[in-house]
N, C-alpha and C. Protein backbone atom coordinates (compact mmCIF):
# COMPACT_ATOMS: atom_id res chain seq x y z
N UNK A 1 34.52 -12.21 25.78
CA UNK A 1 34.72 -11.55 24.63
C UNK A 1 33.49 -10.78 24.01
N UNK A 2 33.68 -9.73 23.46
CA UNK A 2 32.77 -8.82 23.10
C UNK A 2 32.40 -9.03 21.57
N UNK A 3 30.95 -9.01 21.42
CA UNK A 3 30.52 -9.11 20.00
C UNK A 3 30.71 -7.77 19.16
N UNK A 4 31.27 -7.94 18.03
CA UNK A 4 31.62 -6.76 17.23
C UNK A 4 30.22 -6.48 16.52
N UNK A 5 29.94 -5.10 16.53
CA UNK A 5 28.68 -4.59 16.00
C UNK A 5 28.70 -4.93 14.30
N UNK A 6 30.08 -4.79 13.93
CA UNK A 6 30.17 -5.06 12.31
C UNK A 6 29.74 -6.59 12.10
N UNK A 7 30.24 -7.32 12.91
CA UNK A 7 29.76 -8.93 12.72
C UNK A 7 28.24 -9.02 12.86
N UNK A 8 27.65 -8.46 13.92
CA UNK A 8 26.36 -8.75 14.18
C UNK A 8 25.43 -7.96 12.94
N UNK A 9 25.80 -6.74 12.51
CA UNK A 9 24.96 -6.35 11.30
C UNK A 9 25.26 -7.22 9.97
N UNK A 10 26.43 -7.56 9.94
CA UNK A 10 26.60 -8.51 8.61
C UNK A 10 25.76 -9.69 8.66
N UNK A 11 25.63 -10.27 9.83
CA UNK A 11 24.88 -11.58 10.11
C UNK A 11 23.33 -11.12 9.89
N UNK A 12 22.75 -9.84 10.21
CA UNK A 12 21.58 -9.39 9.95
C UNK A 12 21.26 -9.26 8.44
N UNK A 13 22.57 -8.87 7.62
CA UNK A 13 22.44 -8.65 6.12
C UNK A 13 22.44 -10.11 5.51
N UNK A 14 22.96 -11.03 6.34
CA UNK A 14 23.11 -12.41 5.52
C UNK A 14 21.72 -13.01 5.83
N UNK A 15 21.18 -12.88 6.97
CA UNK A 15 19.83 -13.48 7.23
C UNK A 15 18.86 -12.70 6.21
N UNK A 16 18.79 -11.56 6.08
CA UNK A 16 17.84 -10.76 5.29
C UNK A 16 17.97 -11.20 3.89
N UNK A 17 19.25 -11.36 3.29
CA UNK A 17 19.40 -11.95 1.91
C UNK A 17 18.82 -13.33 1.82
N UNK A 18 19.26 -14.21 2.91
CA UNK A 18 18.78 -15.59 2.73
C UNK A 18 17.06 -15.58 2.84
N UNK A 19 16.79 -14.86 3.66
CA UNK A 19 15.15 -14.73 3.74
C UNK A 19 14.54 -14.31 2.40
N UNK A 20 15.05 -13.33 1.80
CA UNK A 20 14.57 -12.85 0.39
C UNK A 20 14.78 -14.01 -0.83
N UNK A 21 15.96 -14.58 -0.55
CA UNK A 21 16.17 -15.80 -1.51
C UNK A 21 14.96 -16.68 -1.45
N UNK A 22 14.54 -17.12 -0.24
CA UNK A 22 13.58 -18.05 -0.23
C UNK A 22 12.15 -17.52 -0.47
N UNK A 23 12.02 -16.36 -0.13
CA UNK A 23 10.73 -15.49 -0.25
C UNK A 23 10.38 -15.35 -1.78
N UNK A 24 11.47 -15.11 -2.58
CA UNK A 24 11.47 -14.75 -4.19
C UNK A 24 10.65 -16.00 -4.74
N UNK A 25 11.18 -17.20 -4.39
CA UNK A 25 10.63 -18.45 -5.08
C UNK A 25 9.34 -18.87 -4.47
N UNK A 26 9.10 -18.34 -3.25
CA UNK A 26 7.98 -19.14 -2.64
C UNK A 26 6.68 -18.43 -2.71
N UNK A 27 6.77 -17.04 -2.71
CA UNK A 27 5.55 -16.05 -2.72
C UNK A 27 5.24 -15.85 -4.08
N UNK A 28 4.12 -15.19 -4.26
CA UNK A 28 4.02 -14.33 -5.75
C UNK A 28 4.70 -13.23 -5.89
N UNK A 29 4.83 -12.86 -7.22
CA UNK A 29 5.96 -11.73 -7.44
C UNK A 29 5.60 -10.47 -6.61
N UNK A 30 3.93 -10.11 -6.64
CA UNK A 30 3.63 -9.09 -5.76
C UNK A 30 4.16 -9.10 -4.30
N UNK A 31 3.85 -10.23 -3.74
CA UNK A 31 4.15 -10.20 -2.17
C UNK A 31 5.71 -10.21 -2.00
N UNK A 32 6.63 -11.01 -3.09
CA UNK A 32 7.83 -11.04 -2.95
C UNK A 32 8.35 -9.51 -3.33
N UNK A 33 7.89 -8.76 -3.99
CA UNK A 33 8.21 -7.50 -4.51
C UNK A 33 7.98 -6.61 -3.02
N UNK A 34 6.81 -6.75 -2.44
CA UNK A 34 6.61 -5.86 -1.19
C UNK A 34 7.67 -6.28 0.14
N UNK A 35 7.93 -7.62 -0.02
CA UNK A 35 8.83 -8.06 1.16
C UNK A 35 10.14 -7.58 0.59
N UNK A 36 10.66 -7.53 -0.34
CA UNK A 36 11.94 -7.01 -0.73
C UNK A 36 12.02 -5.40 -0.48
N UNK A 37 10.79 -4.73 -0.74
CA UNK A 37 10.71 -3.53 -0.21
C UNK A 37 11.01 -3.21 1.10
N UNK A 38 10.05 -4.00 1.89
CA UNK A 38 10.25 -3.75 3.46
C UNK A 38 11.70 -4.35 3.85
N UNK A 39 12.20 -5.31 3.40
CA UNK A 39 13.48 -5.77 3.90
C UNK A 39 14.65 -4.94 3.43
N UNK A 40 14.52 -4.34 2.16
CA UNK A 40 15.25 -3.46 1.39
C UNK A 40 15.48 -2.13 2.35
N UNK A 41 14.25 -1.72 2.61
CA UNK A 41 14.28 -0.34 3.56
C UNK A 41 14.91 -0.38 4.92
N UNK A 42 14.64 -1.46 5.45
CA UNK A 42 15.27 -1.87 6.91
C UNK A 42 16.92 -1.90 6.49
N UNK A 43 17.60 -2.72 5.51
CA UNK A 43 18.79 -2.94 5.43
C UNK A 43 19.44 -1.65 4.88
N UNK A 44 18.76 -0.92 4.09
CA UNK A 44 19.39 0.36 3.56
C UNK A 44 19.61 1.42 4.84
N UNK A 45 18.62 1.30 5.75
CA UNK A 45 18.62 2.31 6.90
C UNK A 45 19.76 1.68 7.87
N UNK A 46 19.68 0.72 8.15
CA UNK A 46 20.90 -0.14 8.98
C UNK A 46 22.26 0.02 8.39
N UNK A 47 22.39 -0.14 7.17
CA UNK A 47 23.77 -0.18 6.53
C UNK A 47 24.18 1.33 6.27
N UNK A 48 23.21 2.21 6.10
CA UNK A 48 23.49 3.53 5.88
C UNK A 48 23.98 4.30 7.15
N UNK A 49 23.13 3.95 8.13
CA UNK A 49 23.64 4.54 9.55
C UNK A 49 24.83 3.95 9.94
N UNK A 50 25.21 2.75 9.63
CA UNK A 50 26.35 2.07 10.16
C UNK A 50 27.56 2.75 9.31
N UNK A 51 27.40 2.81 7.97
CA UNK A 51 28.63 3.33 7.31
C UNK A 51 28.87 4.79 7.69
N UNK A 52 27.74 5.49 7.98
CA UNK A 52 28.13 6.90 8.40
C UNK A 52 28.60 7.01 9.76
N UNK A 53 28.34 6.02 10.84
CA UNK A 53 28.78 6.00 12.19
C UNK A 53 30.27 5.39 12.23
N UNK A 54 30.48 4.45 11.37
CA UNK A 54 31.72 3.83 11.31
C UNK A 54 32.88 4.59 11.51
N UNK A 55 34.02 3.93 12.41
CA UNK A 55 35.27 4.92 12.52
C UNK A 55 36.31 4.21 11.63
N UNK A 56 36.10 2.74 11.27
CA UNK A 56 36.95 2.11 10.51
C UNK A 56 36.69 2.32 8.98
N UNK A 57 37.66 2.50 8.10
CA UNK A 57 37.54 2.74 6.54
C UNK A 57 36.79 1.35 6.07
N UNK A 58 37.24 0.39 6.59
CA UNK A 58 36.69 -1.01 5.83
C UNK A 58 35.09 -1.15 6.05
N UNK A 59 34.91 -0.70 7.48
CA UNK A 59 33.42 -0.81 7.75
C UNK A 59 32.63 0.16 6.86
N UNK A 60 32.97 1.26 6.80
CA UNK A 60 32.28 2.46 6.05
C UNK A 60 32.18 2.01 4.53
N UNK A 61 33.23 1.42 4.06
CA UNK A 61 33.03 0.90 2.52
C UNK A 61 32.20 -0.38 2.51
N UNK A 62 32.26 -1.38 3.18
CA UNK A 62 31.49 -2.51 3.26
C UNK A 62 30.08 -2.28 3.41
N UNK A 63 29.83 -1.59 4.32
CA UNK A 63 28.55 -1.28 4.79
C UNK A 63 27.74 -0.17 3.83
N UNK A 64 28.52 0.53 3.30
CA UNK A 64 28.03 1.52 2.25
C UNK A 64 27.72 0.82 1.08
N UNK A 65 28.41 -0.28 0.66
CA UNK A 65 28.18 -0.93 -0.63
C UNK A 65 26.86 -1.69 -0.40
N UNK A 66 26.68 -2.45 0.71
CA UNK A 66 25.56 -3.01 1.17
C UNK A 66 24.19 -2.15 1.10
N UNK A 67 24.48 -0.89 1.64
CA UNK A 67 23.43 0.10 1.67
C UNK A 67 22.94 0.39 0.23
N UNK A 68 23.93 0.43 -0.83
CA UNK A 68 23.59 1.02 -1.99
C UNK A 68 22.81 -0.40 -2.79
N UNK A 69 23.16 -1.42 -2.42
CA UNK A 69 22.80 -2.51 -3.05
C UNK A 69 21.33 -2.87 -2.59
N UNK A 70 20.98 -2.62 -1.30
CA UNK A 70 19.60 -2.48 -0.77
C UNK A 70 18.85 -1.28 -1.16
N UNK A 71 19.39 -0.25 -1.47
CA UNK A 71 18.81 0.73 -2.06
C UNK A 71 18.06 0.38 -3.54
N UNK A 72 19.18 -0.23 -4.19
CA UNK A 72 18.54 -0.69 -5.56
C UNK A 72 17.60 -1.75 -5.35
N UNK A 73 17.58 -2.55 -4.37
CA UNK A 73 16.46 -3.69 -4.14
C UNK A 73 15.17 -3.00 -3.98
N UNK A 74 15.21 -1.64 -3.27
CA UNK A 74 13.98 -0.98 -3.11
C UNK A 74 13.43 -0.64 -4.56
N UNK A 75 14.31 0.02 -5.34
CA UNK A 75 13.88 0.51 -6.64
C UNK A 75 13.25 -0.45 -7.57
N UNK A 76 14.15 -1.82 -7.63
CA UNK A 76 13.66 -2.82 -8.27
C UNK A 76 12.32 -3.27 -7.89
N UNK A 77 12.25 -3.30 -6.67
CA UNK A 77 10.98 -4.09 -6.03
C UNK A 77 9.69 -3.12 -6.54
N UNK A 78 9.90 -1.85 -6.60
CA UNK A 78 8.75 -0.80 -7.03
C UNK A 78 8.58 -0.70 -8.52
N UNK A 79 9.70 -0.71 -9.11
CA UNK A 79 9.57 -0.57 -10.68
C UNK A 79 9.04 -1.73 -11.46
N UNK A 80 9.61 -2.85 -11.25
CA UNK A 80 9.32 -4.18 -12.06
C UNK A 80 8.02 -5.03 -11.60
N UNK A 81 7.59 -5.65 -12.35
CA UNK A 81 6.45 -6.65 -12.07
C UNK A 81 6.59 -8.05 -12.66
N UNK A 82 5.70 -8.83 -12.23
CA UNK A 82 5.73 -10.24 -12.72
C UNK A 82 6.96 -11.00 -12.56
N UNK A 83 7.43 -11.87 -13.72
CA UNK A 83 8.51 -12.83 -13.39
C UNK A 83 9.83 -11.94 -13.48
N UNK A 84 9.80 -10.77 -14.10
CA UNK A 84 11.01 -9.87 -14.12
C UNK A 84 11.28 -9.39 -12.45
N UNK A 85 10.28 -8.94 -11.94
CA UNK A 85 10.21 -8.70 -10.52
C UNK A 85 10.78 -9.95 -9.59
N UNK A 86 10.24 -11.04 -9.61
CA UNK A 86 10.61 -12.23 -9.11
C UNK A 86 12.06 -12.51 -9.11
N UNK A 87 12.60 -12.54 -10.39
CA UNK A 87 14.01 -12.87 -10.64
C UNK A 87 14.95 -11.70 -10.12
N UNK A 88 14.48 -10.33 -10.20
CA UNK A 88 15.24 -9.25 -9.73
C UNK A 88 15.39 -9.32 -8.03
N UNK A 89 14.25 -9.67 -7.36
CA UNK A 89 14.27 -10.09 -6.04
C UNK A 89 15.23 -11.04 -5.63
N UNK A 90 15.06 -12.03 -6.26
CA UNK A 90 16.10 -13.09 -6.18
C UNK A 90 17.53 -12.80 -6.44
N UNK A 91 17.71 -12.12 -7.61
CA UNK A 91 19.26 -11.73 -7.66
C UNK A 91 19.71 -10.84 -6.71
N UNK A 92 18.74 -9.72 -6.47
CA UNK A 92 19.25 -8.72 -5.16
C UNK A 92 19.58 -9.46 -4.06
N UNK A 93 18.71 -10.52 -3.62
CA UNK A 93 18.84 -11.12 -2.40
C UNK A 93 20.10 -11.89 -2.59
N UNK A 94 20.41 -12.44 -3.54
CA UNK A 94 21.81 -13.41 -3.77
C UNK A 94 22.98 -12.31 -3.59
N UNK A 95 22.78 -11.27 -4.00
CA UNK A 95 23.81 -10.15 -4.21
C UNK A 95 23.94 -9.55 -2.66
N UNK A 96 22.85 -9.48 -2.00
CA UNK A 96 22.99 -8.82 -0.54
C UNK A 96 23.66 -9.88 0.37
N UNK A 97 23.19 -11.23 0.21
CA UNK A 97 24.01 -12.32 0.90
C UNK A 97 25.44 -12.38 0.63
N UNK A 98 25.87 -12.45 -0.63
CA UNK A 98 27.17 -12.27 -0.99
C UNK A 98 27.93 -10.83 -0.53
N UNK A 99 27.45 -10.01 -0.41
CA UNK A 99 28.10 -8.90 0.16
C UNK A 99 28.20 -8.82 1.62
N UNK A 100 27.20 -9.44 2.21
CA UNK A 100 27.36 -9.84 3.79
C UNK A 100 28.33 -10.89 4.01
N UNK A 101 28.53 -11.75 3.25
CA UNK A 101 29.62 -12.81 3.40
C UNK A 101 30.91 -12.10 3.14
N UNK A 102 31.11 -11.35 2.00
CA UNK A 102 32.32 -10.65 1.93
C UNK A 102 32.93 -9.83 2.81
N UNK A 103 31.88 -8.92 3.29
CA UNK A 103 32.14 -8.20 4.45
C UNK A 103 32.69 -8.90 5.76
N UNK A 104 31.84 -9.91 5.93
CA UNK A 104 32.30 -11.05 7.27
C UNK A 104 33.69 -11.48 7.09
N UNK A 105 34.22 -11.80 5.86
CA UNK A 105 35.47 -12.16 5.55
C UNK A 105 36.36 -11.22 5.89
N UNK A 106 36.11 -10.11 5.25
CA UNK A 106 36.94 -8.87 5.46
C UNK A 106 37.16 -8.56 6.78
N UNK A 107 36.18 -8.62 7.57
CA UNK A 107 36.20 -8.39 9.06
C UNK A 107 37.20 -9.40 9.71
N UNK A 108 37.08 -10.66 9.33
CA UNK A 108 37.87 -11.66 9.91
C UNK A 108 39.46 -11.72 9.70
N UNK A 109 39.70 -11.03 8.63
CA UNK A 109 41.11 -11.09 8.08
C UNK A 109 41.66 -9.77 8.34
N UNK A 110 41.10 -8.80 9.10
CA UNK A 110 41.77 -7.62 9.56
C UNK A 110 42.41 -7.72 10.61
N UNK A 111 43.54 -6.85 10.78
CA UNK A 111 44.57 -6.99 12.07
C UNK A 111 43.78 -6.54 13.39
N UNK A 112 42.71 -5.67 13.31
CA UNK A 112 41.94 -5.63 14.45
C UNK A 112 41.46 -7.10 14.93
N UNK A 113 40.98 -7.81 14.15
CA UNK A 113 40.49 -9.13 14.72
C UNK A 113 41.77 -10.04 15.22
N UNK A 114 42.71 -10.07 14.38
CA UNK A 114 43.88 -10.93 14.77
C UNK A 114 44.40 -10.49 16.21
N UNK A 115 44.33 -9.18 16.55
CA UNK A 115 44.87 -8.72 17.84
C UNK A 115 44.03 -9.34 19.06
N UNK A 116 42.86 -9.60 18.73
CA UNK A 116 42.00 -10.31 19.84
C UNK A 116 42.27 -11.57 20.11
N UNK A 117 43.00 -12.39 19.38
CA UNK A 117 43.07 -13.65 19.26
C UNK A 117 44.36 -14.03 20.19
N UNK A 118 44.28 -15.19 20.95
CA UNK A 118 45.36 -15.56 21.60
C UNK A 118 46.38 -16.13 20.75
N UNK A 119 47.78 -15.49 21.16
CA UNK A 119 49.04 -15.99 20.30
C UNK A 119 49.76 -16.95 21.19
N UNK A 120 50.04 -17.87 20.52
CA UNK A 120 50.88 -19.14 21.28
C UNK A 120 52.09 -19.13 20.57
N UNK A 121 53.34 -18.76 21.29
CA UNK A 121 54.70 -18.80 20.93
C UNK A 121 55.52 -20.06 21.29
N UNK A 122 56.38 -20.45 20.69
CA UNK A 122 57.31 -21.54 21.01
C UNK A 122 58.18 -21.08 22.21
N UNK A 123 58.52 -21.94 22.97
CA UNK A 123 59.44 -21.73 24.09
C UNK A 123 61.07 -21.35 23.41
N UNK A 124 61.72 -20.50 24.01
CA UNK A 124 62.86 -20.13 23.51
C UNK A 124 63.77 -21.38 23.61
N UNK A 125 64.83 -21.26 22.47
CA UNK A 125 65.80 -22.44 22.20
C UNK A 125 66.76 -22.65 23.15
N UNK A 126 66.99 -21.70 24.08
CA UNK A 126 68.05 -21.95 25.09
C UNK A 126 67.37 -22.73 26.49
N UNK A 127 65.94 -22.95 26.43
CA UNK A 127 65.49 -23.88 27.65
C UNK A 127 65.51 -25.28 27.27
N UNK A 128 65.58 -26.08 27.89
CA UNK A 128 65.63 -27.50 27.78
C UNK A 128 64.32 -28.10 27.93
N UNK A 129 63.76 -28.98 27.16
CA UNK A 129 62.60 -29.48 27.55
C UNK A 129 62.74 -30.94 28.26
N UNK A 130 62.10 -30.99 29.20
CA UNK A 130 62.12 -32.48 29.72
C UNK A 130 61.70 -33.58 28.95
N UNK A 131 62.43 -34.58 28.86
CA UNK A 131 62.05 -35.69 28.23
C UNK A 131 61.14 -36.74 28.94
N UNK A 132 60.17 -37.36 28.38
CA UNK A 132 59.22 -38.17 28.92
C UNK A 132 60.08 -39.24 29.70
N UNK A 133 59.65 -39.71 30.66
CA UNK A 133 60.24 -40.94 31.60
C UNK A 133 60.24 -42.25 30.78
N UNK A 134 61.25 -42.81 30.67
CA UNK A 134 61.11 -44.22 29.72
C UNK A 134 61.07 -45.34 30.72
N UNK A 135 60.53 -46.52 30.32
CA UNK A 135 60.48 -47.60 31.40
C UNK A 135 61.67 -48.18 31.44
N UNK A 136 62.04 -48.73 32.55
CA UNK A 136 63.48 -49.45 32.27
C UNK A 136 63.16 -50.83 32.44
């Protein structure tokens, strides 16, 4: 089975969001801000390229929204300072993680994904099913 690039990228976005959630509460606001800037730049680039190159509409929309959220994270990391910056990094990271989970769920419920699964059907009703042997 081949790993979907959409699934892999969504896992990267989820990991980035989880990392920033921890970083926002662990490091000083300045360090968390620069980490948010670096991670936001990477996610913006990945999500933007993925949205542009995608052939499916759902992927374009999902990764486009992630790119916009990561772009806002860049702006917030450079604009705000102190406690405001810490909480904005935390909130942006939570939003990024939630968007990644939402896109993962969207990916899993699409018909494209269902087609790749094994479908088990019942036997036709006109066939007889052998009964188990009974002890005499």
